[in-house]
Amino acid sequence: MPIAHELTHLELAQDRKTARNRHEYEQKQLALRKERAWDLARQAAVLLRTQYQADRIVVFGSLVQRQGFTHWSDVDIAAWG
């Protein structure tokens, strides 16, 4: 595999485009994963309220942080009552 200074301008441009496309794809996948995590959190909240009579349920951790959610993130939930 050639190193950067051995690539032509056209090859370098293609590598940049490929990297940009990969990044966009990964960001879309992460957004879908975060959306799914919120769906699961809502389902868990319904279950905790109906089956266990929880009166307060809170989601915390990376799911509620604007930039903290990654593909390693889980769903953190606390329940009271």
Protein backbone atom coordinates (compact mmCIF):
# COMPACT_ATOMS: atom_id res chain seq x y z
CA MET A 1 0.00 0.00 0.00
CA PRO A 2 1.50 3.34 -0.99
CA ILE A 3 1.99 6.09 1.55
CA ALA A 4 0.34 9.51 1.11
CA HIS A 5 3.21 11.27 -0.67
CA GLU A 6 3.34 8.45 -3.27
CA LEU A 7 -0.31 8.86 -4.27
CA THR A 8 -1.42 10.94 -7.23
CA HIS A 9 -3.82 13.82 -6.67
CA LEU A 10 -6.60 11.73 -8.20
CA GLU A 11 -5.88 8.78 -5.89
CA LEU A 12 -5.73 11.07 -2.88
CA ALA A 13 -9.06 12.67 -3.84
CA GLN A 14 -10.62 9.22 -4.19
CA ASP A 15 -9.29 8.18 -0.77
CA ARG A 16 -10.76 11.33 0.77
CA LYS A 17 -14.12 10.66 -0.88
CA THR A 18 -14.10 7.06 0.37
CA ALA A 19 -13.25 8.20 3.92
CA ARG A 20 -16.00 10.84 3.80
CA ASN A 21 -18.55 8.27 2.58
CA ARG A 22 -17.52 5.81 5.29
CA HIS A 23 -17.85 8.51 7.96
CA GLU A 24 -21.32 9.50 6.70
CA TYR A 25 -22.43 5.85 6.69
CA GLU A 26 -21.12 5.30 10.23
CA GLN A 27 -22.87 8.46 11.47
CA LYS A 28 -26.17 7.30 9.96
CA GLN A 29 -25.78 3.88 11.56
CA LEU A 30 -25.04 5.50 14.92
CA ALA A 31 -28.14 7.71 14.63
CA LEU A 32 -30.25 4.61 13.92
CA ARG A 33 -28.70 2.84 16.91
CA LYS A 34 -29.46 5.81 19.16
CA GLU A 35 -33.04 5.92 17.90
CA ARG A 36 -33.38 2.20 18.65
CA ALA A 37 -31.91 2.72 22.14
CA TRP A 38 -34.55 5.38 22.86
CA ASP A 39 -37.28 3.00 21.65
CA LEU A 40 -35.98 0.32 24.01
CA ALA A 41 -35.81 2.81 26.89
CA ARG A 42 -39.45 3.76 26.30
CA GLN A 43 -40.48 0.09 26.17
CA ALA A 44 -38.61 -0.56 29.41
CA ALA A 45 -40.34 2.42 31.04
CA VAL A 46 -43.76 1.07 30.08
CA LEU A 47 -42.85 -2.35 31.46
CA LEU A 48 -41.50 -0.89 34.70
CA ARG A 49 -44.66 1.19 35.19
CA THR A 50 -47.18 -1.52 34.32
CA GLN A 51 -45.53 -4.66 35.69
CA TYR A 52 -43.60 -3.24 38.65
CA GLN A 53 -45.57 -0.08 39.50
CA ALA A 54 -42.55 2.20 39.21
CA ASP A 55 -43.65 5.79 39.69
CA ARG A 56 -40.48 7.50 38.46
CA ILE A 57 -38.20 6.37 35.65
CA VAL A 58 -35.12 8.22 34.44
CA VAL A 59 -32.81 7.62 31.49
CA PHE A 60 -29.24 8.80 32.09
CA GLY A 61 -25.74 8.35 30.74
CA SER A 62 -24.57 8.64 27.16
CA LEU A 63 -28.06 8.29 25.71
CA VAL A 64 -29.10 11.69 27.07
CA GLN A 65 -25.85 13.44 26.16
CA ARG A 66 -25.83 15.25 22.86
CA GLN A 67 -22.45 13.92 21.69
CA GLY A 68 -21.75 11.16 24.22
CA PHE A 69 -23.52 8.25 22.48
CA THR A 70 -21.21 5.79 20.67
CA HIS A 71 -21.55 2.32 19.21
CA TRP A 72 -20.37 1.00 22.60
CA SER A 73 -23.12 2.81 24.52
CA ASP A 74 -25.81 1.01 26.47
CA VAL A 75 -29.16 2.15 27.90
CA ASP A 76 -28.98 3.37 31.50
CA ILE A 77 -32.31 3.49 33.35
CA ALA A 78 -33.14 4.15 37.00
CA ALA A 79 -36.57 3.43 38.48
CA TRP A 80 -38.23 4.29 41.80
CA GLY A 81 -41.38 3.12 43.51
